[in-house]
Amino acid sequence: VQLQAFGGGLVQAGGSLRLSCAGSGSIFTYGDMGWYRQPSGKQRELVASITSGGTTTYTDSVKGRFTVSRDNAKNTMYLQMNSLKPEDTAVYYCNAEVFFTTTRLGGYWGQGTLVTVSS
């Protein structure tokens, strides 16, 4: 099982980025998925999550600016980030529940992608 997160980069405040998290292997299915971020020197926090049915949650600081979505056919989750602020600067990680048929294999992490927002 491998999750690959990509799409980070350097952007000016007010700009946008779209992160992707792709799960490997068509033999696997993915349950609840989430985006986390970890600013330098701080703890990792949950930014947004999405269930397999599409129900979403967001941390208060990104509500109205970030949108999480998924394409189950592609085993891919997205995070559209608009109106970015310098305080959004962090390494962003994706996490997913992975299943093989009906067996839950566990939660897996992607490798992280750095988002830097300049003021």
PDB file of N, CA and C in Angstrom:
ATOM      1  N   VAL A   1       0.865  -1.185   0.000  1.00  0.00           N
ATOM      2  CA  VAL A   1       0.000   0.000   0.000  1.00  0.00           C
ATOM      3  C   VAL A   1       0.898   1.230   0.000  1.00  0.00           C
ATOM      4  N   GLN A   2       0.588   2.160  -0.867  1.00  0.00           N
ATOM      5  CA  GLN A   2       1.367   3.391  -0.926  1.00  0.00           C
ATOM      6  C   GLN A   2       0.436   4.561  -1.225  1.00  0.00           C
ATOM      7  N   LEU A   3       0.606   5.628  -0.444  1.00  0.00           N
ATOM      8  CA  LEU A   3      -0.118   6.869  -0.698  1.00  0.00           C
ATOM      9  C   LEU A   3       0.899   7.906  -1.136  1.00  0.00           C
ATOM     10  N   GLN A   4       0.616   8.580  -2.223  1.00  0.00           N
ATOM     11  CA  GLN A   4       1.518   9.617  -2.715  1.00  0.00           C
ATOM     12  C   GLN A   4       0.808  10.951  -2.708  1.00  0.00           C
ATOM     13  N   ALA A   5       1.355  11.876  -1.943  1.00  0.00           N
ATOM     14  CA  ALA A   5       0.810  13.231  -1.879  1.00  0.00           C
ATOM     15  C   ALA A   5       1.683  14.146  -2.710  1.00  0.00           C
ATOM     16  N   PHE A   6       1.059  14.988  -3.515  1.00  0.00           N
ATOM     17  CA  PHE A   6       1.824  15.926  -4.325  1.00  0.00           C
ATOM     18  C   PHE A   6       0.966  17.144  -4.627  1.00  0.00           C
ATOM     19  N   GLY A   7       1.630  18.163  -5.147  1.00  0.00           N
ATOM     20  CA  GLY A   7       0.934  19.384  -5.505  1.00  0.00           C
ATOM     21  C   GLY A   7       1.338  20.590  -4.681  1.00  0.00           C
ATOM     22  N   GLY A   8       2.205  20.401  -3.694  1.00  0.00           N
ATOM     23  CA  GLY A   8       2.642  21.527  -2.889  1.00  0.00           C
ATOM     24  C   GLY A   8       3.574  22.444  -3.662  1.00  0.00           C
ATOM     25  N   GLY A   9       3.905  23.562  -3.038  1.00  0.00           N
ATOM     26  CA  GLY A   9       4.790  24.506  -3.691  1.00  0.00           C
ATOM     27  C   GLY A   9       4.784  25.832  -2.982  1.00  0.00           C
ATOM     28  N   LEU A  10       5.375  26.832  -3.631  1.00  0.00           N
ATOM     29  CA  LEU A  10       5.447  28.189  -3.103  1.00  0.00           C
ATOM     30  C   LEU A  10       4.400  29.044  -3.790  1.00  0.00           C
ATOM     31  N   VAL A  11       3.608  29.744  -2.994  1.00  0.00           N
ATOM     32  CA  VAL A  11       2.561  30.582  -3.550  1.00  0.00           C
ATOM     33  C   VAL A  11       2.446  31.843  -2.707  1.00  0.00           C
ATOM     34  N   GLN A  12       2.022  32.923  -3.319  1.00  0.00           N
ATOM     35  CA  GLN A  12       1.827  34.169  -2.577  1.00  0.00           C
ATOM     36  C   GLN A  12       0.512  34.135  -1.818  1.00  0.00           C
ATOM     37  N   ALA A  13       0.455  34.894  -0.763  1.00  0.00           N
ATOM     38  CA  ALA A  13      -0.783  34.999  -0.002  1.00  0.00           C
ATOM     39  C   ALA A  13      -1.931  35.399  -0.925  1.00  0.00           C
ATOM     40  N   GLY A  14      -3.069  34.752  -0.735  1.00  0.00           N
ATOM     41  CA  GLY A  14      -4.220  34.992  -1.592  1.00  0.00           C
ATOM     42  C   GLY A  14      -4.299  34.048  -2.776  1.00  0.00           C
ATOM     43  N   GLY A  15      -3.245  33.307  -3.002  1.00  0.00           N
ATOM     44  CA  GLY A  15      -3.210  32.378  -4.122  1.00  0.00           C
ATOM     45  C   GLY A  15      -3.860  31.043  -3.813  1.00  0.00           C
ATOM     46  N   SER A  16      -3.739  30.126  -4.768  1.00  0.00           N
ATOM     47  CA  SER A  16      -4.383  28.811  -4.654  1.00  0.00           C
ATOM     48  C   SER A  16      -3.409  27.694  -5.006  1.00  0.00           C
ATOM     49  N   LEU A  17      -3.670  26.552  -4.408  1.00  0.00           N
ATOM     50  CA  LEU A  17      -2.962  25.323  -4.742  1.00  0.00           C
ATOM     51  C   LEU A  17      -3.943  24.166  -4.652  1.00  0.00           C
ATOM     52  N   ARG A  18      -3.666  23.122  -5.397  1.00  0.00           N
ATOM     53  CA  ARG A  18      -4.473  21.914  -5.313  1.00  0.00           C
ATOM     54  C   ARG A  18      -3.566  20.734  -5.008  1.00  0.00           C
ATOM     55  N   LEU A  19      -3.812  20.101  -3.886  1.00  0.00           N
ATOM     56  CA  LEU A  19      -3.056  18.922  -3.493  1.00  0.00           C
ATOM     57  C   LEU A  19      -3.802  17.671  -3.921  1.00  0.00           C
ATOM     58  N   SER A  20      -3.037  16.641  -4.243  1.00  0.00           N
ATOM     59  CA  SER A  20      -3.607  15.347  -4.595  1.00  0.00           C
ATOM     60  C   SER A  20      -2.970  14.270  -3.738  1.00  0.00           C
ATOM     61  N   CYS A  21      -3.729  13.239  -3.462  1.00  0.00           N
ATOM     62  CA  CYS A  21      -3.230  12.094  -2.709  1.00  0.00           C
ATOM     63  C   CYS A  21      -3.720  10.852  -3.439  1.00  0.00           C
ATOM     64  N   ALA A  22      -2.807  10.134  -4.040  1.00  0.00           N
ATOM     65  CA  ALA A  22      -3.166   8.986  -4.855  1.00  0.00           C
ATOM     66  C   ALA A  22      -2.795   7.692  -4.144  1.00  0.00           C
ATOM     67  N   GLY A  23      -3.752   6.804  -4.034  1.00  0.00           N
ATOM     68  CA  GLY A  23      -3.520   5.503  -3.439  1.00  0.00           C
ATOM     69  C   GLY A  23      -3.159   4.483  -4.505  1.00  0.00           C
ATOM     70  N   SER A  24      -2.224   3.635  -4.171  1.00  0.00           N
ATOM     71  CA  SER A  24      -1.758   2.649  -5.149  1.00  0.00           C
ATOM     72  C   SER A  24      -2.592   1.387  -5.089  1.00  0.00           C
ATOM     73  N   GLY A  25      -2.603   0.660  -6.189  1.00  0.00           N
ATOM     74  CA  GLY A  25      -3.184  -0.671  -6.186  1.00  0.00           C
ATOM     75  C   GLY A  25      -4.680  -0.709  -6.333  1.00  0.00           C
ATOM     76  N   SER A  26      -5.127  -1.228  -7.464  1.00  0.00           N
ATOM     77  CA  SER A  26      -6.557  -1.327  -7.707  1.00  0.00           C
ATOM     78  C   SER A  26      -7.199  -2.409  -6.847  1.00  0.00           C
ATOM     79  N   ILE A  27      -6.363  -3.235  -6.180  1.00  0.00           N
ATOM     80  CA  ILE A  27      -6.945  -4.290  -5.340  1.00  0.00           C
ATOM     81  C   ILE A  27      -7.381  -3.742  -3.982  1.00  0.00           C
ATOM     82  N   PHE A  28      -6.960  -2.510  -3.688  1.00  0.00           N
ATOM     83  CA  PHE A  28      -7.314  -1.903  -2.413  1.00  0.00           C
ATOM     84  C   PHE A  28      -8.476  -0.932  -2.575  1.00  0.00           C
ATOM     85  N   THR A  29      -9.228  -0.759  -1.506  1.00  0.00           N
ATOM     86  CA  THR A  29     -10.226   0.297  -1.456  1.00  0.00           C
ATOM     87  C   THR A  29      -9.924   1.178  -0.248  1.00  0.00           C
ATOM     88  N   TYR A  30     -10.440   2.381  -0.301  1.00  0.00           N
ATOM     89  CA  TYR A  30     -10.082   3.374   0.697  1.00  0.00           C
ATOM     90  C   TYR A  30     -11.331   3.873   1.406  1.00  0.00           C
ATOM     91  N   GLY A  31     -11.268   3.885   2.710  1.00  0.00           N
ATOM     92  CA  GLY A  31     -12.381   4.361   3.520  1.00  0.00           C
ATOM     93  C   GLY A  31     -12.233   5.831   3.805  1.00  0.00           C
ATOM     94  N   ASP A  32     -12.316   6.195   5.084  1.00  0.00           N
ATOM     95  CA  ASP A  32     -12.152   7.593   5.461  1.00  0.00           C
ATOM     96  C   ASP A  32     -10.749   8.069   5.085  1.00  0.00           C
ATOM     97  N   MET A  33     -10.693   9.288   4.564  1.00  0.00           N
ATOM     98  CA  MET A  33      -9.414   9.879   4.177  1.00  0.00           C
ATOM     99  C   MET A  33      -9.321  11.273   4.773  1.00  0.00           C
ATOM    100  N   GLY A  34      -8.107  11.732   4.958  1.00  0.00           N
ATOM    101  CA  GLY A  34      -7.954  13.060   5.545  1.00  0.00           C
ATOM    102  C   GLY A  34      -6.658  13.729   5.158  1.00  0.00           C
ATOM    103  N   TRP A  35      -6.683  15.044   5.229  1.00  0.00           N
ATOM    104  CA  TRP A  35      -5.482  15.858   5.064  1.00  0.00           C
ATOM    105  C   TRP A  35      -5.078  16.420   6.422  1.00  0.00           C
ATOM    106  N   TYR A  36      -3.816  16.280   6.726  1.00  0.00           N
ATOM    107  CA  TYR A  36      -3.237  16.839   7.941  1.00  0.00           C
ATOM    108  C   TYR A  36      -2.126  17.798   7.539  1.00  0.00           C
ATOM    109  N   ARG A  37      -1.767  18.668   8.460  1.00  0.00           N
ATOM    110  CA  ARG A  37      -0.615  19.530   8.191  1.00  0.00           C
ATOM    111  C   ARG A  37       0.208  19.700   9.454  1.00  0.00           C
ATOM    112  N   GLN A  38       1.478  19.933   9.241  1.00  0.00           N
ATOM    113  CA  GLN A  38       2.392  20.122  10.361  1.00  0.00           C
ATOM    114  C   GLN A  38       3.314  21.294  10.076  1.00  0.00           C
ATOM    115  N   PRO A  39       3.023  22.441  10.685  1.00  0.00           N
ATOM    116  CA  PRO A  39       3.939  23.575  10.547  1.00  0.00           C
ATOM    117  C   PRO A  39       5.257  23.257  11.250  1.00  0.00           C
ATOM    118  N   SER A  40       6.303  23.904  10.836  1.00  0.00           N
ATOM    119  CA  SER A  40       7.608  23.664  11.429  1.00  0.00           C
ATOM    120  C   SER A  40       7.581  23.917  12.931  1.00  0.00           C
ATOM    121  N   GLY A  41       8.014  22.949  13.697  1.00  0.00           N
ATOM    122  CA  GLY A  41       8.071  23.082  15.134  1.00  0.00           C
ATOM    123  C   GLY A  41       6.762  22.898  15.861  1.00  0.00           C
ATOM    124  N   LYS A  42       5.717  22.527  15.136  1.00  0.00           N
ATOM    125  CA  LYS A  42       4.412  22.370  15.761  1.00  0.00           C
ATOM    126  C   LYS A  42       3.884  20.950  15.534  1.00  0.00           C
ATOM    127  N   GLN A  43       2.778  20.665  16.205  1.00  0.00           N
ATOM    128  CA  GLN A  43       2.192  19.334  16.078  1.00  0.00           C
ATOM    129  C   GLN A  43       1.364  19.215  14.804  1.00  0.00           C
ATOM    130  N   ARG A  44       1.213  18.008  14.365  1.00  0.00           N
ATOM    131  CA  ARG A  44       0.386  17.734  13.197  1.00  0.00           C
ATOM    132  C   ARG A  44      -1.086  17.909  13.578  1.00  0.00           C
ATOM    133  N   GLU A  45      -1.855  18.525  12.688  1.00  0.00           N
ATOM    134  CA  GLU A  45      -3.274  18.739  12.942  1.00  0.00           C
ATOM    135  C   GLU A  45      -4.094  18.295  11.743  1.00  0.00           C
ATOM    136  N   LEU A  46      -5.320  17.878  12.028  1.00  0.00           N
ATOM    137  CA  LEU A  46      -6.250  17.505  10.971  1.00  0.00           C
ATOM    138  C   LEU A  46      -6.807  18.766  10.326  1.00  0.00           C
ATOM    139  N   VAL A  47      -6.719  18.832   9.022  1.00  0.00           N
ATOM    140  CA  VAL A  47      -7.214  19.987   8.276  1.00  0.00           C
ATOM    141  C   VAL A  47      -8.605  19.711   7.715  1.00  0.00           C
ATOM    142  N   ALA A  48      -8.756  18.565   7.073  1.00  0.00           N
ATOM    143  CA  ALA A  48     -10.028  18.218   6.433  1.00  0.00           C
ATOM    144  C   ALA A  48     -10.108  16.710   6.288  1.00  0.00           C
ATOM    145  N   SER A  49     -11.319  16.211   6.308  1.00  0.00           N
ATOM    146  CA  SER A  49     -11.512  14.775   6.135  1.00  0.00           C
ATOM    147  C   SER A  49     -12.720  14.522   5.255  1.00  0.00           C
ATOM    148  N   ILE A  50     -12.760  13.334   4.684  1.00  0.00           N
ATOM    149  CA  ILE A  50     -13.873  12.954   3.816  1.00  0.00           C
ATOM    150  C   ILE A  50     -14.096  11.458   3.951  1.00  0.00           C
ATOM    151  N   THR A  51     -15.345  11.079   4.136  1.00  0.00           N
ATOM    152  CA  THR A  51     -15.671   9.670   4.232  1.00  0.00           C
ATOM    153  C   THR A  51     -15.796   9.069   2.838  1.00  0.00           C
ATOM    154  N   SER A  52     -15.928   7.761   2.769  1.00  0.00           N
ATOM    155  CA  SER A  52     -16.083   7.110   1.464  1.00  0.00           C
ATOM    156  C   SER A  52     -17.374   7.548   0.789  1.00  0.00           C
ATOM    157  N   GLY A  53     -18.336   7.981   1.585  1.00  0.00           N
ATOM    158  CA  GLY A  53     -19.603   8.454   1.036  1.00  0.00           C
ATOM    159  C   GLY A  53     -19.612   9.925   0.687  1.00  0.00           C
ATOM    160  N   GLY A  54     -18.505  10.616   1.018  1.00  0.00           N
ATOM    161  CA  GLY A  54     -18.400  12.019   0.625  1.00  0.00           C
ATOM    162  C   GLY A  54     -18.710  13.036   1.704  1.00  0.00           C
ATOM    163  N   THR A  55     -18.943  12.599   2.922  1.00  0.00           N
ATOM    164  CA  THR A  55     -19.178  13.551   4.010  1.00  0.00           C
ATOM    165  C   THR A  55     -17.858  14.198   4.415  1.00  0.00           C
ATOM    166  N   THR A  56     -17.867  15.522   4.516  1.00  0.00           N
ATOM    167  CA  THR A  56     -16.629  16.253   4.778  1.00  0.00           C
ATOM    168  C   THR A  56     -16.663  16.993   6.109  1.00  0.00           C
ATOM    169  N   THR A  57     -15.494  17.183   6.676  1.00  0.00           N
ATOM    170  CA  THR A  57     -15.325  18.025   7.861  1.00  0.00           C
ATOM    171  C   THR A  57     -14.077  18.877   7.655  1.00  0.00           C
ATOM    172  N   TYR A  58     -14.056  20.034   8.311  1.00  0.00           N
ATOM    173  CA  TYR A  58     -12.934  20.945   8.194  1.00  0.00           C
ATOM    174  C   TYR A  58     -12.599  21.547   9.553  1.00  0.00           C
ATOM    175  N   THR A  59     -11.323  21.834   9.754  1.00  0.00           N
ATOM    176  CA  THR A  59     -10.955  22.606  10.919  1.00  0.00           C
ATOM    177  C   THR A  59     -11.397  24.051  10.690  1.00  0.00           C
ATOM    178  N   ASP A  60     -11.707  24.751  11.761  1.00  0.00           N
ATOM    179  CA  ASP A  60     -12.314  26.082  11.626  1.00  0.00           C
ATOM    180  C   ASP A  60     -11.467  27.043  10.797  1.00  0.00           C
ATOM    181  N   SER A  61     -10.171  26.958  10.912  1.00  0.00           N
ATOM    182  CA  SER A  61      -9.308  27.952  10.265  1.00  0.00           C
ATOM    183  C   SER A  61      -9.304  27.863   8.740  1.00  0.00           C
ATOM    184  N   VAL A  62      -9.814  26.769   8.176  1.00  0.00           N
ATOM    185  CA  VAL A  62      -9.807  26.632   6.711  1.00  0.00           C
ATOM    186  C   VAL A  62     -11.205  26.610   6.111  1.00  0.00           C
ATOM    187  N   LYS A  63     -12.217  26.656   6.951  1.00  0.00           N
ATOM    188  CA  LYS A  63     -13.597  26.620   6.445  1.00  0.00           C
ATOM    189  C   LYS A  63     -13.836  27.795   5.504  1.00  0.00           C
ATOM    190  N   GLY A  64     -14.446  27.488   4.367  1.00  0.00           N
ATOM    191  CA  GLY A  64     -14.733  28.515   3.381  1.00  0.00           C
ATOM    192  C   GLY A  64     -13.594  28.786   2.428  1.00  0.00           C
ATOM    193  N   ARG A  65     -12.408  28.246   2.715  1.00  0.00           N
ATOM    194  CA  ARG A  65     -11.247  28.451   1.847  1.00  0.00           C
ATOM    195  C   ARG A  65     -10.756  27.148   1.216  1.00  0.00           C
ATOM    196  N   PHE A  66     -10.839  26.056   1.959  1.00  0.00           N
ATOM    197  CA  PHE A  66     -10.360  24.758   1.473  1.00  0.00           C
ATOM    198  C   PHE A  66     -11.544  23.856   1.158  1.00  0.00           C
ATOM    199  N   THR A  67     -11.371  23.011   0.145  1.00  0.00           N
ATOM    200  CA  THR A  67     -12.381  22.035  -0.209  1.00  0.00           C
ATOM    201  C   THR A  67     -11.725  20.679  -0.423  1.00  0.00           C
ATOM    202  N   VAL A  68     -12.196  19.680   0.307  1.00  0.00           N
ATOM    203  CA  VAL A  68     -11.687  18.318   0.150  1.00  0.00           C
ATOM    204  C   VAL A  68     -12.670  17.540  -0.720  1.00  0.00           C
ATOM    205  N   SER A  69     -12.145  16.727  -1.599  1.00  0.00           N
ATOM    206  CA  SER A  69     -12.977  15.900  -2.464  1.00  0.00           C
ATOM    207  C   SER A  69     -12.231  14.612  -2.768  1.00  0.00           C
ATOM    208  N   ARG A  70     -12.905  13.683  -3.395  1.00  0.00           N
ATOM    209  CA  ARG A  70     -12.268  12.413  -3.744  1.00  0.00           C
ATOM    210  C   ARG A  70     -12.888  11.836  -4.994  1.00  0.00           C
ATOM    211  N   ASP A  71     -12.081  11.035  -5.677  1.00  0.00           N
ATOM    212  CA  ASP A  71     -12.544  10.286  -6.829  1.00  0.00           C
ATOM    213  C   ASP A  71     -12.285   8.826  -6.496  1.00  0.00           C
ATOM    214  N   ASN A  72     -13.319   8.122  -6.069  1.00  0.00           N
ATOM    215  CA  ASN A  72     -13.135   6.740  -5.623  1.00  0.00           C
ATOM    216  C   ASN A  72     -12.660   5.830  -6.747  1.00  0.00           C
ATOM    217  N   ALA A  73     -13.055   6.121  -7.964  1.00  0.00           N
ATOM    218  CA  ALA A  73     -12.631   5.292  -9.094  1.00  0.00           C
ATOM    219  C   ALA A  73     -11.120   5.383  -9.314  1.00  0.00           C
ATOM    220  N   LYS A  74     -10.540   6.514  -8.915  1.00  0.00           N
ATOM    221  CA  LYS A  74      -9.106   6.716  -9.090  1.00  0.00           C
ATOM    222  C   LYS A  74      -8.333   6.556  -7.788  1.00  0.00           C
ATOM    223  N   ASN A  75      -9.052   6.214  -6.702  1.00  0.00           N
ATOM    224  CA  ASN A  75      -8.401   6.108  -5.382  1.00  0.00           C
ATOM    225  C   ASN A  75      -7.611   7.370  -5.057  1.00  0.00           C
ATOM    226  N   THR A  76      -8.189   8.500  -5.342  1.00  0.00           N
ATOM    227  CA  THR A  76      -7.487   9.775  -5.178  1.00  0.00           C
ATOM    228  C   THR A  76      -8.332  10.766  -4.400  1.00  0.00           C
ATOM    229  N   MET A  77      -7.654  11.485  -3.505  1.00  0.00           N
ATOM    230  CA  MET A  77      -8.280  12.547  -2.733  1.00  0.00           C
ATOM    231  C   MET A  77      -7.604  13.862  -3.092  1.00  0.00           C
ATOM    232  N   TYR A  78      -8.372  14.936  -3.052  1.00  0.00           N
ATOM    233  CA  TYR A  78      -7.858  16.254  -3.413  1.00  0.00           C
ATOM    234  C   TYR A  78      -8.103  17.243  -2.272  1.00  0.00           C
ATOM    235  N   LEU A  79      -7.295  18.281  -2.255  1.00  0.00           N
ATOM    236  CA  LEU A  79      -7.524  19.409  -1.363  1.00  0.00           C
ATOM    237  C   LEU A  79      -7.318  20.687  -2.165  1.00  0.00           C
ATOM    238  N   GLN A  80      -8.412  21.343  -2.480  1.00  0.00           N
ATOM    239  CA  GLN A  80      -8.336  22.632  -3.166  1.00  0.00           C
ATOM    240  C   GLN A  80      -8.191  23.714  -2.108  1.00  0.00           C
ATOM    241  N   MET A  81      -7.107  24.451  -2.181  1.00  0.00           N
ATOM    242  CA  MET A  81      -6.815  25.480  -1.181  1.00  0.00           C
ATOM    243  C   MET A  81      -6.832  26.845  -1.854  1.00  0.00           C
ATOM    244  N   ASN A  82      -7.772  27.670  -1.457  1.00  0.00           N
ATOM    245  CA  ASN A  82      -7.902  29.023  -1.991  1.00  0.00           C
ATOM    246  C   ASN A  82      -7.645  30.051  -0.893  1.00  0.00           C
ATOM    247  N   SER A  83      -7.411  31.279  -1.314  1.00  0.00           N
ATOM    248  CA  SER A  83      -7.181  32.374  -0.359  1.00  0.00           C
ATOM    249  C   SER A  83      -6.149  31.977   0.686  1.00  0.00           C
ATOM    250  N   LEU A  84      -5.057  31.456   0.221  1.00  0.00           N
ATOM    251  CA  LEU A  84      -4.026  30.953   1.136  1.00  0.00           C
ATOM    252  C   LEU A  84      -3.422  32.082   1.955  1.00  0.00           C
ATOM    253  N   LYS A  85      -3.072  31.733   3.189  1.00  0.00           N
ATOM    254  CA  LYS A  85      -2.479  32.674   4.123  1.00  0.00           C
ATOM    255  C   LYS A  85      -1.107  32.163   4.561  1.00  0.00           C
ATOM    256  N   PRO A  86      -0.238  33.043   5.006  1.00  0.00           N
ATOM    257  CA  PRO A  86       1.078  32.581   5.484  1.00  0.00           C
ATOM    258  C   PRO A  86       0.970  31.520   6.580  1.00  0.00           C
ATOM    259  N   GLU A  87      -0.070  31.596   7.394  1.00  0.00           N
ATOM    260  CA  GLU A  87      -0.226  30.613   8.468  1.00  0.00           C
ATOM    261  C   GLU A  87      -0.647  29.240   7.956  1.00  0.00           C
ATOM    262  N   ASP A  88      -0.932  29.124   6.663  1.00  0.00           N
ATOM    263  CA  ASP A  88      -1.205  27.811   6.072  1.00  0.00           C
ATOM    264  C   ASP A  88       0.089  27.081   5.707  1.00  0.00           C
ATOM    265  N   THR A  89       1.218  27.756   5.847  1.00  0.00           N
ATOM    266  CA  THR A  89       2.500  27.141   5.537  1.00  0.00           C
ATOM    267  C   THR A  89       2.747  25.942   6.431  1.00  0.00           C
ATOM    268  N   ALA A  90       3.019  24.796   5.809  1.00  0.00           N
ATOM    269  CA  ALA A  90       3.202  23.551   6.548  1.00  0.00           C
ATOM    270  C   ALA A  90       3.527  22.433   5.566  1.00  0.00           C
ATOM    271  N   VAL A  91       3.941  21.316   6.119  1.00  0.00           N
ATOM    272  CA  VAL A  91       3.990  20.088   5.331  1.00  0.00           C
ATOM    273  C   VAL A  91       2.623  19.436   5.450  1.00  0.00           C
ATOM    274  N   TYR A  92       2.019  19.138   4.330  1.00  0.00           N
ATOM    275  CA  TYR A  92       0.689  18.545   4.287  1.00  0.00           C
ATOM    276  C   TYR A  92       0.814  17.044   4.014  1.00  0.00           C
ATOM    277  N   TYR A  93       0.117  16.273   4.846  1.00  0.00           N
ATOM    278  CA  TYR A  93       0.126  14.813   4.735  1.00  0.00           C
ATOM    279  C   TYR A  93      -1.291  14.314   4.483  1.00  0.00           C
ATOM    280  N   CYS A  94      -1.380  13.234   3.734  1.00  0.00           N
ATOM    281  CA  CYS A  94      -2.674  12.582   3.604  1.00  0.00           C
ATOM    282  C   CYS A  94      -2.654  11.268   4.381  1.00  0.00           C
ATOM    283  N   ASN A  95      -3.834  10.893   4.798  1.00  0.00           N
ATOM    284  CA  ASN A  95      -4.001   9.664   5.561  1.00  0.00           C
ATOM    285  C   ASN A  95      -5.248   8.972   5.064  1.00  0.00           C
ATOM    286  N   ALA A  96      -5.215   7.643   5.050  1.00  0.00           N
ATOM    287  CA  ALA A  96      -6.374   6.912   4.552  1.00  0.00           C
ATOM    288  C   ALA A  96      -6.499   5.564   5.242  1.00  0.00           C
ATOM    289  N   GLU A  97      -7.746   5.180   5.462  1.00  0.00           N
ATOM    290  CA  GLU A  97      -8.039   3.805   5.869  1.00  0.00           C
ATOM    291  C   GLU A  97      -7.993   2.945   4.612  1.00  0.00           C
ATOM    292  N   VAL A  98      -7.280   1.840   4.690  1.00  0.00           N
ATOM    293  CA  VAL A  98      -7.128   0.988   3.517  1.00  0.00           C
ATOM    294  C   VAL A  98      -7.753  -0.371   3.795  1.00  0.00           C
ATOM    295  N   PHE A  99      -8.477  -0.843   2.817  1.00  0.00           N
ATOM    296  CA  PHE A  99      -9.142  -2.140   2.923  1.00  0.00           C
ATOM    297  C   PHE A  99      -8.706  -3.046   1.768  1.00  0.00           C
ATOM    298  N   PHE A 100      -8.609  -4.325   2.093  1.00  0.00           N
ATOM    299  CA  PHE A 100      -8.473  -5.349   1.067  1.00  0.00           C
ATOM    300  C   PHE A 100      -9.713  -6.216   1.177  1.00  0.00           C
ATOM    301  N   THR A 101     -10.560  -6.154   0.183  1.00  0.00           N
ATOM    302  CA  THR A 101     -11.937  -6.671   0.242  1.00  0.00           C
ATOM    303  C   THR A 101     -12.590  -6.081   1.486  1.00  0.00           C
ATOM    304  N   THR A 102     -12.989  -6.881   2.434  1.00  0.00           N
ATOM    305  CA  THR A 102     -13.647  -6.335   3.626  1.00  0.00           C
ATOM    306  C   THR A 102     -12.714  -6.251   4.825  1.00  0.00           C
ATOM    307  N   THR A 103     -11.454  -6.566   4.639  1.00  0.00           N
ATOM    308  CA  THR A 103     -10.483  -6.557   5.732  1.00  0.00           C
ATOM    309  C   THR A 103      -9.805  -5.198   5.827  1.00  0.00           C
ATOM    310  N   ARG A 104      -9.909  -4.579   6.989  1.00  0.00           N
ATOM    311  CA  ARG A 104      -9.244  -3.290   7.201  1.00  0.00           C
ATOM    312  C   ARG A 104      -7.762  -3.535   7.462  1.00  0.00           C
ATOM    313  N   LEU A 105      -6.923  -3.009   6.602  1.00  0.00           N
ATOM    314  CA  LEU A 105      -5.484  -3.179   6.759  1.00  0.00           C
ATOM    315  C   LEU A 105      -4.900  -2.184   7.741  1.00  0.00           C
ATOM    316  N   GLY A 106      -5.564  -1.031   7.890  1.00  0.00           N
ATOM    317  CA  GLY A 106      -5.082  -0.020   8.813  1.00  0.00           C
ATOM    318  C   GLY A 106      -5.049   1.353   8.178  1.00  0.00           C
ATOM    319  N   GLY A 107      -4.527   2.314   8.928  1.00  0.00           N
ATOM    320  CA  GLY A 107      -4.375   3.664   8.426  1.00  0.00           C
ATOM    321  C   GLY A 107      -2.984   3.868   7.850  1.00  0.00           C
ATOM    322  N   TYR A 108      -2.908   4.510   6.711  1.00  0.00           N
ATOM    323  CA  TYR A 108      -1.627   4.729   6.053  1.00  0.00           C
ATOM    324  C   TYR A 108      -1.424   6.217   5.783  1.00  0.00           C
ATOM    325  N   TRP A 109      -0.148   6.628   5.800  1.00  0.00           N
ATOM    326  CA  TRP A 109       0.221   8.028   5.573  1.00  0.00           C
ATOM    327  C   TRP A 109       0.945   8.183   4.242  1.00  0.00           C
ATOM    328  N   GLY A 110       0.679   9.304   3.595  1.00  0.00           N
ATOM    329  CA  GLY A 110       1.485   9.699   2.460  1.00  0.00           C
ATOM    330  C   GLY A 110       2.766  10.340   2.951  1.00  0.00           C
ATOM    331  N   GLN A 111       3.662  10.679   2.031  1.00  0.00           N
ATOM    332  CA  GLN A 111       4.990  11.153   2.408  1.00  0.00           C
ATOM    333  C   GLN A 111       5.049  12.629   2.749  1.00  0.00           C
ATOM    334  N   GLY A 112       4.004  13.382   2.478  1.00  0.00           N
ATOM    335  CA  GLY A 112       4.014  14.798   2.790  1.00  0.00           C
ATOM    336  C   GLY A 112       4.440  15.652   1.615  1.00  0.00           C
ATOM    337  N   THR A 113       3.808  16.801   1.507  1.00  0.00           N
ATOM    338  CA  THR A 113       4.168  17.759   0.463  1.00  0.00           C
ATOM    339  C   THR A 113       4.169  19.151   1.099  1.00  0.00           C
ATOM    340  N   LEU A 114       5.212  19.917   0.821  1.00  0.00           N
ATOM    341  CA  LEU A 114       5.404  21.208   1.480  1.00  0.00           C
ATOM    342  C   LEU A 114       4.636  22.314   0.775  1.00  0.00           C
ATOM    343  N   VAL A 115       3.869  23.050   1.554  1.00  0.00           N
ATOM    344  CA  VAL A 115       3.169  24.231   1.067  1.00  0.00           C
ATOM    345  C   VAL A 115       3.755  25.445   1.779  1.00  0.00           C
ATOM    346  N   THR A 116       4.237  26.397   1.007  1.00  0.00           N
ATOM    347  CA  THR A 116       4.809  27.613   1.567  1.00  0.00           C
ATOM    348  C   THR A 116       4.044  28.797   1.000  1.00  0.00           C
ATOM    349  N   VAL A 117       3.490  29.614   1.892  1.00  0.00           N
ATOM    350  CA  VAL A 117       2.726  30.785   1.480  1.00  0.00           C
ATOM    351  C   VAL A 117       3.494  32.026   1.913  1.00  0.00           C
ATOM    352  N   SER A 118       3.888  32.814   0.954  1.00  0.00           N
ATOM    353  CA  SER A 118       4.653  34.028   1.260  1.00  0.00           C
ATOM    354  C   SER A 118       3.723  35.222   1.419  1.00  0.00           C
ATOM    355  N   SER A 119       4.117  36.120   2.289  1.00  0.00           N
ATOM    356  CA  SER A 119       3.274  37.301   2.553  1.00  0.00           C
ATOM    357  C   SER A 119       3.602  38.440   1.609  1.00  0.00           C
TER     358      SER A 119
END
